[in-house]
Amino acid sequence: MWTGKEESPVCWFSAPGKLLRLDGLSDHSWLHVRGSTFADLESLCAALPGHWVRGYSEPLEADELPF
């Protein structure tokens, strides 16, 4: 568990409809983002350069359920 600033800090940032969490330092860091809407999330990805790994996929068409 990270307990102190010198080990690996966690920083939170927010804006209306948006939440960001930065874990770690320099090359050993992760940025997690959430948006209230898909547009909020896309605007974060567009505003912050880099390769984004999205934890969502485009909705797939599904067959009707048999029940």
PDB file of N, CA and C in Angstrom:
ATOM      1  N   MET A   1       0.842  -1.178   0.000  1.00  0.00           N
ATOM      2  CA  MET A   1       0.000   0.000   0.000  1.00  0.00           C
ATOM      3  C   MET A   1       0.883   1.236   0.000  1.00  0.00           C
ATOM      4  N   TRP A   2       0.541   2.196  -0.822  1.00  0.00           N
ATOM      5  CA  TRP A   2       1.292   3.446  -0.859  1.00  0.00           C
ATOM      6  C   TRP A   2       0.834   4.321   0.292  1.00  0.00           C
ATOM      7  N   THR A   3       1.770   4.745   1.077  1.00  0.00           N
ATOM      8  CA  THR A   3       1.392   5.481   2.277  1.00  0.00           C
ATOM      9  C   THR A   3       1.892   6.907   2.322  1.00  0.00           C
ATOM     10  N   GLY A   4       2.880   7.229   1.559  1.00  0.00           N
ATOM     11  CA  GLY A   4       3.437   8.563   1.675  1.00  0.00           C
ATOM     12  C   GLY A   4       3.793   9.179   0.345  1.00  0.00           C
ATOM     13  N   LYS A   5       4.030  10.477   0.391  1.00  0.00           N
ATOM     14  CA  LYS A   5       4.358  11.237  -0.807  1.00  0.00           C
ATOM     15  C   LYS A   5       5.617  10.702  -1.486  1.00  0.00           C
ATOM     16  N   GLU A   6       6.599  10.269  -0.695  1.00  0.00           N
ATOM     17  CA  GLU A   6       7.852   9.793  -1.265  1.00  0.00           C
ATOM     18  C   GLU A   6       7.724   8.417  -1.917  1.00  0.00           C
ATOM     19  N   GLU A   7       6.749   7.598  -1.510  1.00  0.00           N
ATOM     20  CA  GLU A   7       6.577   6.282  -2.118  1.00  0.00           C
ATOM     21  C   GLU A   7       5.860   6.389  -3.461  1.00  0.00           C
ATOM     22  N   SER A   8       4.672   6.910  -3.453  1.00  0.00           N
ATOM     23  CA  SER A   8       3.895   7.048  -4.680  1.00  0.00           C
ATOM     24  C   SER A   8       2.586   7.749  -4.347  1.00  0.00           C
ATOM     25  N   PRO A   9       2.529   9.033  -4.564  1.00  0.00           N
ATOM     26  CA  PRO A   9       1.342   9.794  -4.165  1.00  0.00           C
ATOM     27  C   PRO A   9       0.145   9.546  -5.071  1.00  0.00           C
ATOM     28  N   VAL A  10      -1.007   9.867  -4.562  1.00  0.00           N
ATOM     29  CA  VAL A  10      -2.253   9.844  -5.327  1.00  0.00           C
ATOM     30  C   VAL A  10      -2.804  11.264  -5.302  1.00  0.00           C
ATOM     31  N   CYS A  11      -3.069  11.815  -6.478  1.00  0.00           N
ATOM     32  CA  CYS A  11      -3.611  13.174  -6.586  1.00  0.00           C
ATOM     33  C   CYS A  11      -4.942  13.121  -7.320  1.00  0.00           C
ATOM     34  N   TRP A  12      -5.900  13.890  -6.847  1.00  0.00           N
ATOM     35  CA  TRP A  12      -7.222  13.969  -7.455  1.00  0.00           C
ATOM     36  C   TRP A  12      -7.432  15.360  -8.049  1.00  0.00           C
ATOM     37  N   PHE A  13      -8.110  15.410  -9.204  1.00  0.00           N
ATOM     38  CA  PHE A  13      -8.470  16.660  -9.858  1.00  0.00           C
ATOM     39  C   PHE A  13      -9.911  16.524 -10.324  1.00  0.00           C
ATOM     40  N   SER A  14     -10.641  17.640 -10.331  1.00  0.00           N
ATOM     41  CA  SER A  14     -12.026  17.565 -10.799  1.00  0.00           C
ATOM     42  C   SER A  14     -12.420  18.842 -11.521  1.00  0.00           C
ATOM     43  N   ALA A  15     -13.405  18.700 -12.363  1.00  0.00           N
ATOM     44  CA  ALA A  15     -14.065  19.794 -13.071  1.00  0.00           C
ATOM     45  C   ALA A  15     -15.504  19.335 -13.247  1.00  0.00           C
ATOM     46  N   PRO A  16     -16.415  20.236 -13.552  1.00  0.00           N
ATOM     47  CA  PRO A  16     -17.809  19.802 -13.725  1.00  0.00           C
ATOM     48  C   PRO A  16     -17.926  18.636 -14.722  1.00  0.00           C
ATOM     49  N   GLY A  17     -18.446  17.519 -14.236  1.00  0.00           N
ATOM     50  CA  GLY A  17     -18.638  16.339 -15.074  1.00  0.00           C
ATOM     51  C   GLY A  17     -17.404  15.495 -15.299  1.00  0.00           C
ATOM     52  N   LYS A  18     -16.277  15.853 -14.668  1.00  0.00           N
ATOM     53  CA  LYS A  18     -15.022  15.148 -14.928  1.00  0.00           C
ATOM     54  C   LYS A  18     -14.271  14.893 -13.625  1.00  0.00           C
ATOM     55  N   LEU A  19     -13.627  13.725 -13.551  1.00  0.00           N
ATOM     56  CA  LEU A  19     -12.830  13.367 -12.383  1.00  0.00           C
ATOM     57  C   LEU A  19     -11.558  12.679 -12.864  1.00  0.00           C
ATOM     58  N   LEU A  20     -10.414  13.108 -12.349  1.00  0.00           N
ATOM     59  CA  LEU A  20      -9.125  12.529 -12.719  1.00  0.00           C
ATOM     60  C   LEU A  20      -8.386  12.107 -11.460  1.00  0.00           C
ATOM     61  N   ARG A  21      -7.678  10.981 -11.556  1.00  0.00           N
ATOM     62  CA  ARG A  21      -6.852  10.493 -10.448  1.00  0.00           C
ATOM     63  C   ARG A  21      -5.485  10.127 -11.012  1.00  0.00           C
ATOM     64  N   LEU A  22      -4.450  10.725 -10.463  1.00  0.00           N
ATOM     65  CA  LEU A  22      -3.080  10.449 -10.873  1.00  0.00           C
ATOM     66  C   LEU A  22      -2.407   9.638  -9.780  1.00  0.00           C
ATOM     67  N   ASP A  23      -1.956   8.438 -10.134  1.00  0.00           N
ATOM     68  CA  ASP A  23      -1.252   7.548  -9.206  1.00  0.00           C
ATOM     69  C   ASP A  23       0.212   7.486  -9.611  1.00  0.00           C
ATOM     70  N   GLY A  24       1.109   7.631  -8.668  1.00  0.00           N
ATOM     71  CA  GLY A  24       2.518   7.405  -8.932  1.00  0.00           C
ATOM     72  C   GLY A  24       3.283   8.643  -9.349  1.00  0.00           C
ATOM     73  N   LEU A  25       4.535   8.396  -9.728  1.00  0.00           N
ATOM     74  CA  LEU A  25       5.464   9.456 -10.096  1.00  0.00           C
ATOM     75  C   LEU A  25       6.098   9.180 -11.454  1.00  0.00           C
ATOM     76  N   SER A  26       6.362  10.194 -12.214  1.00  0.00           N
ATOM     77  CA  SER A  26       7.090  10.194 -13.488  1.00  0.00           C
ATOM     78  C   SER A  26       6.710   9.009 -14.383  1.00  0.00           C
ATOM     79  N   ASP A  27       7.690   8.184 -14.734  1.00  0.00           N
ATOM     80  CA  ASP A  27       7.448   7.066 -15.653  1.00  0.00           C
ATOM     81  C   ASP A  27       6.613   5.956 -15.038  1.00  0.00           C
ATOM     82  N   HIS A  28       6.460   5.982 -13.737  1.00  0.00           N
ATOM     83  CA  HIS A  28       5.702   4.948 -13.036  1.00  0.00           C
ATOM     84  C   HIS A  28       4.392   5.533 -12.521  1.00  0.00           C
ATOM     85  N   SER A  29       3.642   6.139 -13.428  1.00  0.00           N
ATOM     86  CA  SER A  29       2.386   6.765 -13.013  1.00  0.00           C
ATOM     87  C   SER A  29       1.252   6.335 -13.935  1.00  0.00           C
ATOM     88  N   TRP A  30       0.056   6.449 -13.423  1.00  0.00           N
ATOM     89  CA  TRP A  30      -1.154   6.107 -14.145  1.00  0.00           C
ATOM     90  C   TRP A  30      -2.144   7.241 -13.964  1.00  0.00           C
ATOM     91  N   LEU A  31      -2.861   7.552 -15.031  1.00  0.00           N
ATOM     92  CA  LEU A  31      -3.904   8.566 -14.958  1.00  0.00           C
ATOM     93  C   LEU A  31      -5.233   7.885 -15.245  1.00  0.00           C
ATOM     94  N   HIS A  32      -6.147   7.970 -14.304  1.00  0.00           N
ATOM     95  CA  HIS A  32      -7.489   7.414 -14.449  1.00  0.00           C
ATOM     96  C   HIS A  32      -8.445   8.581 -14.623  1.00  0.00           C
ATOM     97  N   VAL A  33      -9.342   8.495 -15.586  1.00  0.00           N
ATOM     98  CA  VAL A  33     -10.307   9.578 -15.798  1.00  0.00           C
ATOM     99  C   VAL A  33     -11.718   9.010 -15.858  1.00  0.00           C
ATOM    100  N   ARG A  34     -12.670   9.809 -15.407  1.00  0.00           N
ATOM    101  CA  ARG A  34     -14.096   9.471 -15.495  1.00  0.00           C
ATOM    102  C   ARG A  34     -14.831  10.697 -15.988  1.00  0.00           C
ATOM    103  N   GLY A  35     -15.856  10.468 -16.772  1.00  0.00           N
ATOM    104  CA  GLY A  35     -16.711  11.552 -17.219  1.00  0.00           C
ATOM    105  C   GLY A  35     -18.150  11.213 -16.919  1.00  0.00           C
ATOM    106  N   SER A  36     -18.944  12.227 -16.631  1.00  0.00           N
ATOM    107  CA  SER A  36     -20.373  11.988 -16.384  1.00  0.00           C
ATOM    108  C   SER A  36     -21.066  11.501 -17.642  1.00  0.00           C
ATOM    109  N   THR A  37     -20.553  11.929 -18.785  1.00  0.00           N
ATOM    110  CA  THR A  37     -21.110  11.511 -20.069  1.00  0.00           C
ATOM    111  C   THR A  37     -19.971  11.043 -20.963  1.00  0.00           C
ATOM    112  N   PHE A  38     -20.333  10.404 -22.051  1.00  0.00           N
ATOM    113  CA  PHE A  38     -19.342   9.981 -23.031  1.00  0.00           C
ATOM    114  C   PHE A  38     -18.609  11.199 -23.584  1.00  0.00           C
ATOM    115  N   ALA A  39     -19.331  12.288 -23.812  1.00  0.00           N
ATOM    116  CA  ALA A  39     -18.715  13.518 -24.333  1.00  0.00           C
ATOM    117  C   ALA A  39     -17.700  14.093 -23.344  1.00  0.00           C
ATOM    118  N   ASP A  40     -17.999  14.025 -22.044  1.00  0.00           N
ATOM    119  CA  ASP A  40     -17.043  14.484 -21.029  1.00  0.00           C
ATOM    120  C   ASP A  40     -15.760  13.666 -21.100  1.00  0.00           C
ATOM    121  N   LEU A  41     -15.898  12.371 -21.218  1.00  0.00           N
ATOM    122  CA  LEU A  41     -14.738  11.489 -21.293  1.00  0.00           C
ATOM    123  C   LEU A  41     -13.926  11.756 -22.553  1.00  0.00           C
ATOM    124  N   GLU A  42     -14.592  11.890 -23.681  1.00  0.00           N
ATOM    125  CA  GLU A  42     -13.899  12.158 -24.937  1.00  0.00           C
ATOM    126  C   GLU A  42     -13.175  13.499 -24.895  1.00  0.00           C
ATOM    127  N   SER A  43     -13.769  14.497 -24.233  1.00  0.00           N
ATOM    128  CA  SER A  43     -13.109  15.804 -24.156  1.00  0.00           C
ATOM    129  C   SER A  43     -11.834  15.726 -23.317  1.00  0.00           C
ATOM    130  N   LEU A  44     -11.834  14.891 -22.282  1.00  0.00           N
ATOM    131  CA  LEU A  44     -10.614  14.689 -21.497  1.00  0.00           C
ATOM    132  C   LEU A  44      -9.528  14.032 -22.339  1.00  0.00           C
ATOM    133  N   CYS A  45      -9.895  13.013 -23.085  1.00  0.00           N
ATOM    134  CA  CYS A  45      -8.919  12.315 -23.932  1.00  0.00           C
ATOM    135  C   CYS A  45      -8.364  13.243 -25.006  1.00  0.00           C
ATOM    136  N   ALA A  46      -9.203  14.127 -25.535  1.00  0.00           N
ATOM    137  CA  ALA A  46      -8.753  15.066 -26.560  1.00  0.00           C
ATOM    138  C   ALA A  46      -7.849  16.149 -25.967  1.00  0.00           C
ATOM    139  N   ALA A  47      -8.125  16.563 -24.743  1.00  0.00           N
ATOM    140  CA  ALA A  47      -7.363  17.650 -24.118  1.00  0.00           C
ATOM    141  C   ALA A  47      -6.006  17.197 -23.589  1.00  0.00           C
ATOM    142  N   LEU A  48      -5.892  15.919 -23.238  1.00  0.00           N
ATOM    143  CA  LEU A  48      -4.658  15.398 -22.654  1.00  0.00           C
ATOM    144  C   LEU A  48      -3.976  14.485 -23.665  1.00  0.00           C
ATOM    145  N   PRO A  49      -2.826  14.884 -24.202  1.00  0.00           N
ATOM    146  CA  PRO A  49      -2.168  14.080 -25.227  1.00  0.00           C
ATOM    147  C   PRO A  49      -1.655  12.757 -24.671  1.00  0.00           C
ATOM    148  N   GLY A  50      -1.592  11.782 -25.537  1.00  0.00           N
ATOM    149  CA  GLY A  50      -1.055  10.484 -25.155  1.00  0.00           C
ATOM    150  C   GLY A  50      -1.905   9.361 -25.700  1.00  0.00           C
ATOM    151  N   HIS A  51      -1.448   8.143 -25.479  1.00  0.00           N
ATOM    152  CA  HIS A  51      -2.174   6.946 -25.902  1.00  0.00           C
ATOM    153  C   HIS A  51      -3.142   6.561 -24.793  1.00  0.00           C
ATOM    154  N   TRP A  52      -4.404   6.519 -25.114  1.00  0.00           N
ATOM    155  CA  TRP A  52      -5.433   6.202 -24.119  1.00  0.00           C
ATOM    156  C   TRP A  52      -5.893   4.764 -24.278  1.00  0.00           C
ATOM    157  N   VAL A  53      -5.944   4.049 -23.192  1.00  0.00           N
ATOM    158  CA  VAL A  53      -6.540   2.719 -23.151  1.00  0.00           C
ATOM    159  C   VAL A  53      -7.896   2.911 -22.503  1.00  0.00           C
ATOM    160  N   ARG A  54      -8.932   2.715 -23.287  1.00  0.00           N
ATOM    161  CA  ARG A  54     -10.276   2.978 -22.782  1.00  0.00           C
ATOM    162  C   ARG A  54     -10.854   1.712 -22.171  1.00  0.00           C
ATOM    163  N   GLY A  55     -11.483   1.880 -21.031  1.00  0.00           N
ATOM    164  CA  GLY A  55     -12.094   0.759 -20.332  1.00  0.00           C
ATOM    165  C   GLY A  55     -13.528   0.536 -20.755  1.00  0.00           C
ATOM    166  N   TYR A  56     -13.850   0.963 -21.951  1.00  0.00           N
ATOM    167  CA  TYR A  56     -15.196   0.767 -22.468  1.00  0.00           C
ATOM    168  C   TYR A  56     -15.081   0.400 -23.934  1.00  0.00           C
ATOM    169  N   SER A  57     -16.120  -0.110 -24.474  1.00  0.00           N
ATOM    170  CA  SER A  57     -16.148  -0.417 -25.902  1.00  0.00           C
ATOM    171  C   SER A  57     -17.428   0.154 -26.483  1.00  0.00           C
ATOM    172  N   GLU A  58     -17.439   0.273 -27.775  1.00  0.00           N
ATOM    173  CA  GLU A  58     -18.645   0.741 -28.439  1.00  0.00           C
ATOM    174  C   GLU A  58     -19.744  -0.292 -28.214  1.00  0.00           C
ATOM    175  N   PRO A  59     -20.965   0.148 -28.006  1.00  0.00           N
ATOM    176  CA  PRO A  59     -22.062  -0.802 -27.805  1.00  0.00           C
ATOM    177  C   PRO A  59     -22.207  -1.725 -29.016  1.00  0.00           C
ATOM    178  N   LEU A  60     -22.398  -2.979 -28.733  1.00  0.00           N
ATOM    179  CA  LEU A  60     -22.604  -3.963 -29.787  1.00  0.00           C
ATOM    180  C   LEU A  60     -24.092  -4.224 -29.951  1.00  0.00           C
ATOM    181  N   GLU A  61     -24.468  -4.561 -31.166  1.00  0.00           N
ATOM    182  CA  GLU A  61     -25.860  -4.950 -31.366  1.00  0.00           C
ATOM    183  C   GLU A  61     -26.037  -6.352 -30.800  1.00  0.00           C
ATOM    184  N   ALA A  62     -27.127  -6.559 -30.121  1.00  0.00           N
ATOM    185  CA  ALA A  62     -27.373  -7.858 -29.494  1.00  0.00           C
ATOM    186  C   ALA A  62     -28.663  -8.454 -30.038  1.00  0.00           C
ATOM    187  N   ASP A  63     -28.669  -9.774 -30.130  1.00  0.00           N
ATOM    188  CA  ASP A  63     -29.889 -10.470 -30.525  1.00  0.00           C
ATOM    189  C   ASP A  63     -30.900 -10.384 -29.395  1.00  0.00           C
ATOM    190  N   GLU A  64     -32.147 -10.566 -29.736  1.00  0.00           N
ATOM    191  CA  GLU A  64     -33.199 -10.593 -28.724  1.00  0.00           C
ATOM    192  C   GLU A  64     -32.952 -11.765 -27.777  1.00  0.00           C
ATOM    193  N   LEU A  65     -33.233 -11.557 -26.514  1.00  0.00           N
ATOM    194  CA  LEU A  65     -33.096 -12.637 -25.547  1.00  0.00           C
ATOM    195  C   LEU A  65     -34.211 -13.658 -25.757  1.00  0.00           C
ATOM    196  N   PRO A  66     -33.923 -14.946 -25.530  1.00  0.00           N
ATOM    197  CA  PRO A  66     -34.918 -15.986 -25.792  1.00  0.00           C
ATOM    198  C   PRO A  66     -36.002 -16.081 -24.720  1.00  0.00           C
ATOM    199  N   PHE A  67     -35.987 -15.253 -23.746  1.00  0.00           N
ATOM    200  CA  PHE A  67     -37.003 -15.333 -22.690  1.00  0.00           C
ATOM    201  C   PHE A  67     -37.661 -13.997 -22.470  1.00  0.00           C
TER     202      PHE A  67
END
